[in-house]
Amino acid sequence: MTAQFVQSACPGVGGGPSANGAPGVLGSGGSHQQASAAAQNRLAACGAKAAAKFHEVVTYQPASRYWALQSLELAIVLGVALILAGLCLSWVRRRLS
């Protein structure tokens, strides 16, 4: 979570002062300080609130597909390299003639 998201989603928890004038959990300077237990609880509640909205979806390919994917990637890279080499060769020939 960025400090901007925390400030907009959970006022009073972010880097600036809260509605009651107390400093937020996330400091704005370069110094590190231990947050109070109440501030840590507010930040944890904000994290839970954000987690209810956002989900990360991760898909994995099985290990049995490793070489098939490597071959596909190699074919794509070689194809692009051949196309670029052909374009460079034709450009050089035009410039020389």
PDB file of N, CA and C in Angstrom:
ATOM      1  N   MET A   1       0.844  -1.178   0.000  1.00  0.00           N
ATOM      2  CA  MET A   1       0.000   0.000   0.000  1.00  0.00           C
ATOM      3  C   MET A   1       0.887   1.237   0.000  1.00  0.00           C
ATOM      4  N   THR A   2       0.526   2.194  -0.802  1.00  0.00           N
ATOM      5  CA  THR A   2       1.253   3.456  -0.794  1.00  0.00           C
ATOM      6  C   THR A   2       0.662   4.372   0.265  1.00  0.00           C
ATOM      7  N   ALA A   3       1.432   5.382   0.647  1.00  0.00           N
ATOM      8  CA  ALA A   3       0.954   6.331   1.653  1.00  0.00           C
ATOM      9  C   ALA A   3      -0.264   7.092   1.140  1.00  0.00           C
ATOM     10  N   GLN A   4      -0.304   7.373  -0.168  1.00  0.00           N
ATOM     11  CA  GLN A   4      -1.460   8.077  -0.733  1.00  0.00           C
ATOM     12  C   GLN A   4      -2.721   7.240  -0.614  1.00  0.00           C
ATOM     13  N   PHE A   5      -2.616   5.930  -0.901  1.00  0.00           N
ATOM     14  CA  PHE A   5      -3.786   5.063  -0.772  1.00  0.00           C
ATOM     15  C   PHE A   5      -4.247   4.998   0.673  1.00  0.00           C
ATOM     16  N   VAL A   6      -3.292   4.868   1.590  1.00  0.00           N
ATOM     17  CA  VAL A   6      -3.654   4.773   3.007  1.00  0.00           C
ATOM     18  C   VAL A   6      -4.359   6.042   3.449  1.00  0.00           C
ATOM     19  N   GLN A   7      -3.854   7.204   3.012  1.00  0.00           N
ATOM     20  CA  GLN A   7      -4.474   8.472   3.412  1.00  0.00           C
ATOM     21  C   GLN A   7      -5.888   8.596   2.861  1.00  0.00           C
ATOM     22  N   SER A   8      -6.113   8.125   1.616  1.00  0.00           N
ATOM     23  CA  SER A   8      -7.450   8.259   1.051  1.00  0.00           C
ATOM     24  C   SER A   8      -8.407   7.189   1.576  1.00  0.00           C
ATOM     25  N   ALA A   9      -7.920   5.976   1.778  1.00  0.00           N
ATOM     26  CA  ALA A   9      -8.801   4.884   2.206  1.00  0.00           C
ATOM     27  C   ALA A   9      -9.053   4.887   3.706  1.00  0.00           C
ATOM     28  N   CYS A  10      -8.064   5.281   4.469  1.00  0.00           N
ATOM     29  CA  CYS A  10      -8.161   5.237   5.925  1.00  0.00           C
ATOM     30  C   CYS A  10      -7.663   6.544   6.514  1.00  0.00           C
ATOM     31  N   PRO A  11      -8.476   7.587   6.513  1.00  0.00           N
ATOM     32  CA  PRO A  11      -8.028   8.858   7.079  1.00  0.00           C
ATOM     33  C   PRO A  11      -7.607   8.689   8.537  1.00  0.00           C
ATOM     34  N   GLY A  12      -6.556   9.383   8.911  1.00  0.00           N
ATOM     35  CA  GLY A  12      -6.070   9.285  10.282  1.00  0.00           C
ATOM     36  C   GLY A  12      -5.008   8.222  10.463  1.00  0.00           C
ATOM     37  N   VAL A  13      -4.771   7.403   9.429  1.00  0.00           N
ATOM     38  CA  VAL A  13      -3.759   6.362   9.521  1.00  0.00           C
ATOM     39  C   VAL A  13      -2.542   6.740   8.699  1.00  0.00           C
ATOM     40  N   GLY A  14      -2.707   7.577   7.695  1.00  0.00           N
ATOM     41  CA  GLY A  14      -1.642   7.910   6.752  1.00  0.00           C
ATOM     42  C   GLY A  14      -0.552   8.757   7.359  1.00  0.00           C
ATOM     43  N   GLY A  15       0.314   9.313   6.479  1.00  0.00           N
ATOM     44  CA  GLY A  15       1.488  10.056   6.922  1.00  0.00           C
ATOM     45  C   GLY A  15       1.178  11.408   7.510  1.00  0.00           C
ATOM     46  N   GLY A  16       0.111  12.054   7.107  1.00  0.00           N
ATOM     47  CA  GLY A  16      -0.212  13.381   7.610  1.00  0.00           C
ATOM     48  C   GLY A  16      -0.973  13.299   8.906  1.00  0.00           C
ATOM     49  N   PRO A  17      -1.305  14.456   9.450  1.00  0.00           N
ATOM     50  CA  PRO A  17      -2.082  14.451  10.689  1.00  0.00           C
ATOM     51  C   PRO A  17      -3.492  13.945  10.444  1.00  0.00           C
ATOM     52  N   SER A  18      -4.055  13.333  11.440  1.00  0.00           N
ATOM     53  CA  SER A  18      -5.407  12.803  11.323  1.00  0.00           C
ATOM     54  C   SER A  18      -6.415  13.913  11.573  1.00  0.00           C
ATOM     55  N   ALA A  19      -7.674  13.542  11.552  1.00  0.00           N
ATOM     56  CA  ALA A  19      -8.747  14.519  11.728  1.00  0.00           C
ATOM     57  C   ALA A  19      -8.652  15.204  13.097  1.00  0.00           C
ATOM     58  N   ASN A  20      -8.151  14.491  14.102  1.00  0.00           N
ATOM     59  CA  ASN A  20      -8.061  15.091  15.433  1.00  0.00           C
ATOM     60  C   ASN A  20      -6.713  15.777  15.683  1.00  0.00           C
ATOM     61  N   GLY A  21      -5.870  15.884  14.631  1.00  0.00           N
ATOM     62  CA  GLY A  21      -4.602  16.587  14.740  1.00  0.00           C
ATOM     63  C   GLY A  21      -3.439  15.716  15.177  1.00  0.00           C
ATOM     64  N   ALA A  22      -3.694  14.459  15.518  1.00  0.00           N
ATOM     65  CA  ALA A  22      -2.618  13.561  15.929  1.00  0.00           C
ATOM     66  C   ALA A  22      -1.862  13.084  14.705  1.00  0.00           C
ATOM     67  N   PRO A  23      -0.569  12.832  14.844  1.00  0.00           N
ATOM     68  CA  PRO A  23       0.185  12.356  13.689  1.00  0.00           C
ATOM     69  C   PRO A  23      -0.267  10.968  13.288  1.00  0.00           C
ATOM     70  N   GLY A  24      -0.130  10.671  12.000  1.00  0.00           N
ATOM     71  CA  GLY A  24      -0.524   9.363  11.481  1.00  0.00           C
ATOM     72  C   GLY A  24       0.538   8.316  11.757  1.00  0.00           C
ATOM     73  N   VAL A  25       0.287   7.114  11.283  1.00  0.00           N
ATOM     74  CA  VAL A  25       1.203   6.001  11.496  1.00  0.00           C
ATOM     75  C   VAL A  25       2.418   6.115  10.590  1.00  0.00           C
ATOM     76  N   LEU A  26       2.196   6.446   9.328  1.00  0.00           N
ATOM     77  CA  LEU A  26       3.288   6.495   8.370  1.00  0.00           C
ATOM     78  C   LEU A  26       3.972   7.844   8.467  1.00  0.00           C
ATOM     79  N   GLY A  27       5.249   7.853   8.853  1.00  0.00           N
ATOM     80  CA  GLY A  27       5.984   9.100   8.994  1.00  0.00           C
ATOM     81  C   GLY A  27       6.311   9.710   7.644  1.00  0.00           C
ATOM     82  N   SER A  28       6.481  11.019   7.622  1.00  0.00           N
ATOM     83  CA  SER A  28       6.801  11.699   6.380  1.00  0.00           C
ATOM     84  C   SER A  28       8.276  12.034   6.291  1.00  0.00           C
ATOM     85  N   GLY A  29       9.021  11.840   7.344  1.00  0.00           N
ATOM     86  CA  GLY A  29      10.442  12.157   7.335  1.00  0.00           C
ATOM     87  C   GLY A  29      11.276  10.906   7.153  1.00  0.00           C
ATOM     88  N   GLY A  30      12.592  11.070   7.316  1.00  0.00           N
ATOM     89  CA  GLY A  30      13.492   9.950   7.141  1.00  0.00           C
ATOM     90  C   GLY A  30      13.743   9.176   8.422  1.00  0.00           C
ATOM     91  N   SER A  31      13.221   9.658   9.552  1.00  0.00           N
ATOM     92  CA  SER A  31      13.477   8.975  10.811  1.00  0.00           C
ATOM     93  C   SER A  31      12.492   7.822  10.999  1.00  0.00           C
ATOM     94  N   HIS A  32      12.915   6.846  11.755  1.00  0.00           N
ATOM     95  CA  HIS A  32      12.074   5.690  12.043  1.00  0.00           C
ATOM     96  C   HIS A  32      11.687   5.735  13.505  1.00  0.00           C
ATOM     97  N   GLN A  33      10.414   5.526  13.768  1.00  0.00           N
ATOM     98  CA  GLN A  33       9.922   5.529  15.131  1.00  0.00           C
ATOM     99  C   GLN A  33       8.995   4.329  15.301  1.00  0.00           C
ATOM    100  N   GLN A  34       8.932   3.835  16.517  1.00  0.00           N
ATOM    101  CA  GLN A  34       8.009   2.750  16.826  1.00  0.00           C
ATOM    102  C   GLN A  34       6.618   3.340  16.998  1.00  0.00           C
ATOM    103  N   ALA A  35       5.656   2.828  16.250  1.00  0.00           N
ATOM    104  CA  ALA A  35       4.285   3.317  16.353  1.00  0.00           C
ATOM    105  C   ALA A  35       3.638   2.773  17.624  1.00  0.00           C
ATOM    106  N   SER A  36       2.686   3.528  18.128  1.00  0.00           N
ATOM    107  CA  SER A  36       1.971   3.072  19.319  1.00  0.00           C
ATOM    108  C   SER A  36       1.099   1.875  18.962  1.00  0.00           C
ATOM    109  N   ALA A  37       0.661   1.170  19.973  1.00  0.00           N
ATOM    110  CA  ALA A  37      -0.183  -0.005  19.752  1.00  0.00           C
ATOM    111  C   ALA A  37      -1.493   0.393  19.073  1.00  0.00           C
ATOM    112  N   ALA A  38      -2.055   1.543  19.463  1.00  0.00           N
ATOM    113  CA  ALA A  38      -3.305   1.995  18.844  1.00  0.00           C
ATOM    114  C   ALA A  38      -3.091   2.300  17.365  1.00  0.00           C
ATOM    115  N   ALA A  39      -1.955   2.930  17.045  1.00  0.00           N
ATOM    116  CA  ALA A  39      -1.653   3.242  15.646  1.00  0.00           C
ATOM    117  C   ALA A  39      -1.426   1.962  14.841  1.00  0.00           C
ATOM    118  N   GLN A  40      -0.756   0.990  15.443  1.00  0.00           N
ATOM    119  CA  GLN A  40      -0.548  -0.293  14.765  1.00  0.00           C
ATOM    120  C   GLN A  40      -1.876  -0.993  14.516  1.00  0.00           C
ATOM    121  N   ASN A  41      -2.784  -0.923  15.476  1.00  0.00           N
ATOM    122  CA  ASN A  41      -4.104  -1.531  15.306  1.00  0.00           C
ATOM    123  C   ASN A  41      -4.894  -0.843  14.196  1.00  0.00           C
ATOM    124  N   ARG A  42      -4.801   0.510  14.140  1.00  0.00           N
ATOM    125  CA  ARG A  42      -5.496   1.242  13.075  1.00  0.00           C
ATOM    126  C   ARG A  42      -4.945   0.858  11.708  1.00  0.00           C
ATOM    127  N   LEU A  43      -3.618   0.721  11.615  1.00  0.00           N
ATOM    128  CA  LEU A  43      -3.000   0.339  10.348  1.00  0.00           C
ATOM    129  C   LEU A  43      -3.389  -1.089   9.969  1.00  0.00           C
ATOM    130  N   ALA A  44      -3.449  -1.990  10.927  1.00  0.00           N
ATOM    131  CA  ALA A  44      -3.867  -3.369  10.645  1.00  0.00           C
ATOM    132  C   ALA A  44      -5.315  -3.402  10.169  1.00  0.00           C
ATOM    133  N   ALA A  45      -6.165  -2.588  10.792  1.00  0.00           N
ATOM    134  CA  ALA A  45      -7.572  -2.531  10.358  1.00  0.00           C
ATOM    135  C   ALA A  45      -7.674  -1.964   8.948  1.00  0.00           C
ATOM    136  N   CYS A  46      -6.838  -0.966   8.640  1.00  0.00           N
ATOM    137  CA  CYS A  46      -6.827  -0.403   7.295  1.00  0.00           C
ATOM    138  C   CYS A  46      -6.359  -1.450   6.291  1.00  0.00           C
ATOM    139  N   GLY A  47      -5.353  -2.230   6.649  1.00  0.00           N
ATOM    140  CA  GLY A  47      -4.875  -3.301   5.772  1.00  0.00           C
ATOM    141  C   GLY A  47      -5.953  -4.334   5.511  1.00  0.00           C
ATOM    142  N   ALA A  48      -6.717  -4.666   6.544  1.00  0.00           N
ATOM    143  CA  ALA A  48      -7.815  -5.620   6.376  1.00  0.00           C
ATOM    144  C   ALA A  48      -8.889  -5.039   5.467  1.00  0.00           C
ATOM    145  N   LYS A  49      -9.137  -3.732   5.609  1.00  0.00           N
ATOM    146  CA  LYS A  49     -10.120  -3.058   4.756  1.00  0.00           C
ATOM    147  C   LYS A  49      -9.665  -3.079   3.295  1.00  0.00           C
ATOM    148  N   ALA A  50      -8.378  -2.831   3.076  1.00  0.00           N
ATOM    149  CA  ALA A  50      -7.838  -2.847   1.713  1.00  0.00           C
ATOM    150  C   ALA A  50      -7.842  -4.259   1.151  1.00  0.00           C
ATOM    151  N   ALA A  51      -7.533  -5.252   1.983  1.00  0.00           N
ATOM    152  CA  ALA A  51      -7.505  -6.639   1.520  1.00  0.00           C
ATOM    153  C   ALA A  51      -8.889  -7.120   1.108  1.00  0.00           C
ATOM    154  N   ALA A  52      -9.932  -6.537   1.690  1.00  0.00           N
ATOM    155  CA  ALA A  52     -11.285  -6.923   1.303  1.00  0.00           C
ATOM    156  C   ALA A  52     -11.614  -6.441  -0.106  1.00  0.00           C
ATOM    157  N   LYS A  53     -10.942  -5.356  -0.556  1.00  0.00           N
ATOM    158  CA  LYS A  53     -11.186  -4.807  -1.884  1.00  0.00           C
ATOM    159  C   LYS A  53     -10.288  -5.412  -2.952  1.00  0.00           C
ATOM    160  N   PHE A  54      -9.024  -5.635  -2.635  1.00  0.00           N
ATOM    161  CA  PHE A  54      -8.029  -6.028  -3.613  1.00  0.00           C
ATOM    162  C   PHE A  54      -7.618  -7.478  -3.422  1.00  0.00           C
ATOM    163  N   HIS A  55      -7.523  -8.178  -4.534  1.00  0.00           N
ATOM    164  CA  HIS A  55      -7.073  -9.565  -4.503  1.00  0.00           C
ATOM    165  C   HIS A  55      -6.018  -9.749  -5.575  1.00  0.00           C
ATOM    166  N   GLU A  56      -4.993 -10.491  -5.272  1.00  0.00           N
ATOM    167  CA  GLU A  56      -3.945 -10.782  -6.234  1.00  0.00           C
ATOM    168  C   GLU A  56      -4.166 -12.193  -6.753  1.00  0.00           C
ATOM    169  N   VAL A  57      -4.247 -12.303  -8.063  1.00  0.00           N
ATOM    170  CA  VAL A  57      -4.447 -13.606  -8.681  1.00  0.00           C
ATOM    171  C   VAL A  57      -3.129 -14.017  -9.321  1.00  0.00           C
ATOM    172  N   VAL A  58      -2.637 -15.170  -8.927  1.00  0.00           N
ATOM    173  CA  VAL A  58      -1.376 -15.674  -9.448  1.00  0.00           C
ATOM    174  C   VAL A  58      -1.640 -17.037 -10.065  1.00  0.00           C
ATOM    175  N   THR A  59      -1.165 -17.226 -11.287  1.00  0.00           N
ATOM    176  CA  THR A  59      -1.287 -18.539 -11.920  1.00  0.00           C
ATOM    177  C   THR A  59       0.108 -19.081 -12.167  1.00  0.00           C
ATOM    178  N   TYR A  60       0.265 -20.344 -11.979  1.00  0.00           N
ATOM    179  CA  TYR A  60       1.546 -21.004 -12.182  1.00  0.00           C
ATOM    180  C   TYR A  60       1.393 -22.040 -13.287  1.00  0.00           C
ATOM    181  N   GLN A  61       2.452 -22.212 -14.035  1.00  0.00           N
ATOM    182  CA  GLN A  61       2.481 -23.262 -15.039  1.00  0.00           C
ATOM    183  C   GLN A  61       3.150 -24.481 -14.412  1.00  0.00           C
ATOM    184  N   PRO A  62       2.669 -25.674 -14.726  1.00  0.00           N
ATOM    185  CA  PRO A  62       3.306 -26.864 -14.156  1.00  0.00           C
ATOM    186  C   PRO A  62       4.718 -27.045 -14.713  1.00  0.00           C
ATOM    187  N   ALA A  63       5.556 -27.688 -13.945  1.00  0.00           N
ATOM    188  CA  ALA A  63       6.948 -27.901 -14.344  1.00  0.00           C
ATOM    189  C   ALA A  63       7.052 -28.705 -15.630  1.00  0.00           C
ATOM    190  N   SER A  64       6.072 -29.519 -15.923  1.00  0.00           N
ATOM    191  CA  SER A  64       6.112 -30.331 -17.141  1.00  0.00           C
ATOM    192  C   SER A  64       6.037 -29.475 -18.409  1.00  0.00           C
ATOM    193  N   ARG A  65       5.594 -28.235 -18.301  1.00  0.00           N
ATOM    194  CA  ARG A  65       5.495 -27.356 -19.468  1.00  0.00           C
ATOM    195  C   ARG A  65       6.714 -26.449 -19.628  1.00  0.00           C
ATOM    196  N   TYR A  66       7.731 -26.623 -18.805  1.00  0.00           N
ATOM    197  CA  TYR A  66       8.888 -25.737 -18.808  1.00  0.00           C
ATOM    198  C   TYR A  66       9.551 -25.666 -20.181  1.00  0.00           C
ATOM    199  N   TRP A  67       9.916 -26.819 -20.751  1.00  0.00           N
ATOM    200  CA  TRP A  67      10.638 -26.807 -22.015  1.00  0.00           C
ATOM    201  C   TRP A  67       9.760 -26.357 -23.170  1.00  0.00           C
ATOM    202  N   ALA A  68       8.477 -26.637 -23.115  1.00  0.00           N
ATOM    203  CA  ALA A  68       7.575 -26.144 -24.163  1.00  0.00           C
ATOM    204  C   ALA A  68       7.518 -24.620 -24.143  1.00  0.00           C
ATOM    205  N   LEU A  69       7.439 -24.037 -22.966  1.00  0.00           N
ATOM    206  CA  LEU A  69       7.415 -22.583 -22.855  1.00  0.00           C
ATOM    207  C   LEU A  69       8.758 -21.973 -23.239  1.00  0.00           C
ATOM    208  N   GLN A  70       9.856 -22.639 -22.888  1.00  0.00           N
ATOM    209  CA  GLN A  70      11.176 -22.146 -23.277  1.00  0.00           C
ATOM    210  C   GLN A  70      11.333 -22.174 -24.797  1.00  0.00           C
ATOM    211  N   SER A  71      10.842 -23.224 -25.442  1.00  0.00           N
ATOM    212  CA  SER A  71      10.919 -23.325 -26.899  1.00  0.00           C
ATOM    213  C   SER A  71      10.080 -22.241 -27.564  1.00  0.00           C
ATOM    214  N   LEU A  72       8.904 -21.983 -27.032  1.00  0.00           N
ATOM    215  CA  LEU A  72       8.051 -20.933 -27.573  1.00  0.00           C
ATOM    216  C   LEU A  72       8.719 -19.564 -27.429  1.00  0.00           C
ATOM    217  N   GLU A  73       9.295 -19.308 -26.284  1.00  0.00           N
ATOM    218  CA  GLU A  73       9.992 -18.037 -26.077  1.00  0.00           C
ATOM    219  C   GLU A  73      11.177 -17.907 -27.026  1.00  0.00           C
ATOM    220  N   LEU A  74      11.927 -18.981 -27.211  1.00  0.00           N
ATOM    221  CA  LEU A  74      13.063 -18.956 -28.132  1.00  0.00           C
ATOM    222  C   LEU A  74      12.592 -18.674 -29.551  1.00  0.00           C
ATOM    223  N   ALA A  75      11.508 -19.297 -29.979  1.00  0.00           N
ATOM    224  CA  ALA A  75      10.985 -19.072 -31.325  1.00  0.00           C
ATOM    225  C   ALA A  75      10.571 -17.614 -31.512  1.00  0.00           C
ATOM    226  N   ILE A  76       9.942 -17.032 -30.520  1.00  0.00           N
ATOM    227  CA  ILE A  76       9.512 -15.631 -30.617  1.00  0.00           C
ATOM    228  C   ILE A  76      10.729 -14.707 -30.702  1.00  0.00           C
ATOM    229  N   VAL A  77      11.711 -14.922 -29.847  1.00  0.00           N
ATOM    230  CA  VAL A  77      12.893 -14.062 -29.834  1.00  0.00           C
ATOM    231  C   VAL A  77      13.679 -14.213 -31.136  1.00  0.00           C
ATOM    232  N   LEU A  78      13.853 -15.437 -31.622  1.00  0.00           N
ATOM    233  CA  LEU A  78      14.567 -15.635 -32.883  1.00  0.00           C
ATOM    234  C   LEU A  78      13.806 -15.027 -34.056  1.00  0.00           C
ATOM    235  N   GLY A  79      12.493 -15.154 -34.043  1.00  0.00           N
ATOM    236  CA  GLY A  79      11.690 -14.564 -35.111  1.00  0.00           C
ATOM    237  C   GLY A  79      11.832 -13.050 -35.145  1.00  0.00           C
ATOM    238  N   VAL A  80      11.764 -12.415 -34.010  1.00  0.00           N
ATOM    239  CA  VAL A  80      11.923 -10.958 -33.940  1.00  0.00           C
ATOM    240  C   VAL A  80      13.329 -10.565 -34.359  1.00  0.00           C
ATOM    241  N   ALA A  81      14.335 -11.344 -33.944  1.00  0.00           N
ATOM    242  CA  ALA A  81      15.712 -11.054 -34.321  1.00  0.00           C
ATOM    243  C   ALA A  81      15.899 -11.164 -35.827  1.00  0.00           C
ATOM    244  N   LEU A  82      15.308 -12.176 -36.454  1.00  0.00           N
ATOM    245  CA  LEU A  82      15.426 -12.327 -37.906  1.00  0.00           C
ATOM    246  C   LEU A  82      14.732 -11.187 -38.640  1.00  0.00           C
ATOM    247  N   ILE A  83      13.583 -10.791 -38.171  1.00  0.00           N
ATOM    248  CA  ILE A  83      12.863  -9.669 -38.795  1.00  0.00           C
ATOM    249  C   ILE A  83      13.693  -8.391 -38.687  1.00  0.00           C
ATOM    250  N   LEU A  84      14.231  -8.118 -37.514  1.00  0.00           N
ATOM    251  CA  LEU A  84      15.048  -6.920 -37.327  1.00  0.00           C
ATOM    252  C   LEU A  84      16.321  -6.975 -38.168  1.00  0.00           C
ATOM    253  N   ALA A  85      16.946  -8.148 -38.265  1.00  0.00           N
ATOM    254  CA  ALA A  85      18.149  -8.284 -39.089  1.00  0.00           C
ATOM    255  C   ALA A  85      17.805  -8.024 -40.555  1.00  0.00           C
ATOM    256  N   GLY A  86      16.678  -8.528 -41.016  1.00  0.00           N
ATOM    257  CA  GLY A  86      16.250  -8.285 -42.394  1.00  0.00           C
ATOM    258  C   GLY A  86      15.982  -6.814 -42.652  1.00  0.00           C
ATOM    259  N   LEU A  87      15.329  -6.144 -41.701  1.00  0.00           N
ATOM    260  CA  LEU A  87      15.077  -4.711 -41.850  1.00  0.00           C
ATOM    261  C   LEU A  87      16.381  -3.920 -41.871  1.00  0.00           C
ATOM    262  N   CYS A  88      17.321  -4.266 -41.023  1.00  0.00           N
ATOM    263  CA  CYS A  88      18.615  -3.574 -40.999  1.00  0.00           C
ATOM    264  C   CYS A  88      19.369  -3.802 -42.300  1.00  0.00           C
ATOM    265  N   LEU A  89      19.366  -5.025 -42.791  1.00  0.00           N
ATOM    266  CA  LEU A  89      20.058  -5.329 -44.040  1.00  0.00           C
ATOM    267  C   LEU A  89      19.450  -4.556 -45.202  1.00  0.00           C
ATOM    268  N   SER A  90      18.141  -4.512 -45.294  1.00  0.00           N
ATOM    269  CA  SER A  90      17.507  -3.771 -46.391  1.00  0.00           C
ATOM    270  C   SER A  90      17.767  -2.268 -46.251  1.00  0.00           C
ATOM    271  N   TRP A  91      17.812  -1.748 -45.038  1.00  0.00           N
ATOM    272  CA  TRP A  91      18.089  -0.324 -44.825  1.00  0.00           C
ATOM    273  C   TRP A  91      19.515   0.019 -45.248  1.00  0.00           C
ATOM    274  N   VAL A  92      20.478  -0.852 -44.888  1.00  0.00           N
ATOM    275  CA  VAL A  92      21.870  -0.622 -45.258  1.00  0.00           C
ATOM    276  C   VAL A  92      22.029  -0.696 -46.768  1.00  0.00           C
ATOM    277  N   ARG A  93      21.404  -1.670 -47.421  1.00  0.00           N
ATOM    278  CA  ARG A  93      21.508  -1.780 -48.882  1.00  0.00           C
ATOM    279  C   ARG A  93      20.950  -0.556 -49.583  1.00  0.00           C
ATOM    280  N   ARG A  94      19.839  -0.019 -49.081  1.00  0.00           N
ATOM    281  CA  ARG A  94      19.260   1.196 -49.686  1.00  0.00           C
ATOM    282  C   ARG A  94      20.180   2.391 -49.502  1.00  0.00           C
ATOM    283  N   ARG A  95      20.828   2.491 -48.353  1.00  0.00           N
ATOM    284  CA  ARG A  95      21.712   3.614 -48.085  1.00  0.00           C
ATOM    285  C   ARG A  95      22.985   3.540 -48.933  1.00  0.00           C
ATOM    286  N   LEU A  96      23.459   2.329 -49.240  1.00  0.00           N
ATOM    287  CA  LEU A  96      24.666   2.175 -50.029  1.00  0.00           C
ATOM    288  C   LEU A  96      24.427   2.389 -51.526  1.00  0.00           C
ATOM    289  N   SER A  97      23.215   2.160 -51.967  1.00  0.00           N
ATOM    290  CA  SER A  97      22.972   2.286 -53.415  1.00  0.00           C
ATOM    291  C   SER A  97      22.508   3.653 -53.835  1.00  0.00           C
TER     292      SER A  97
END
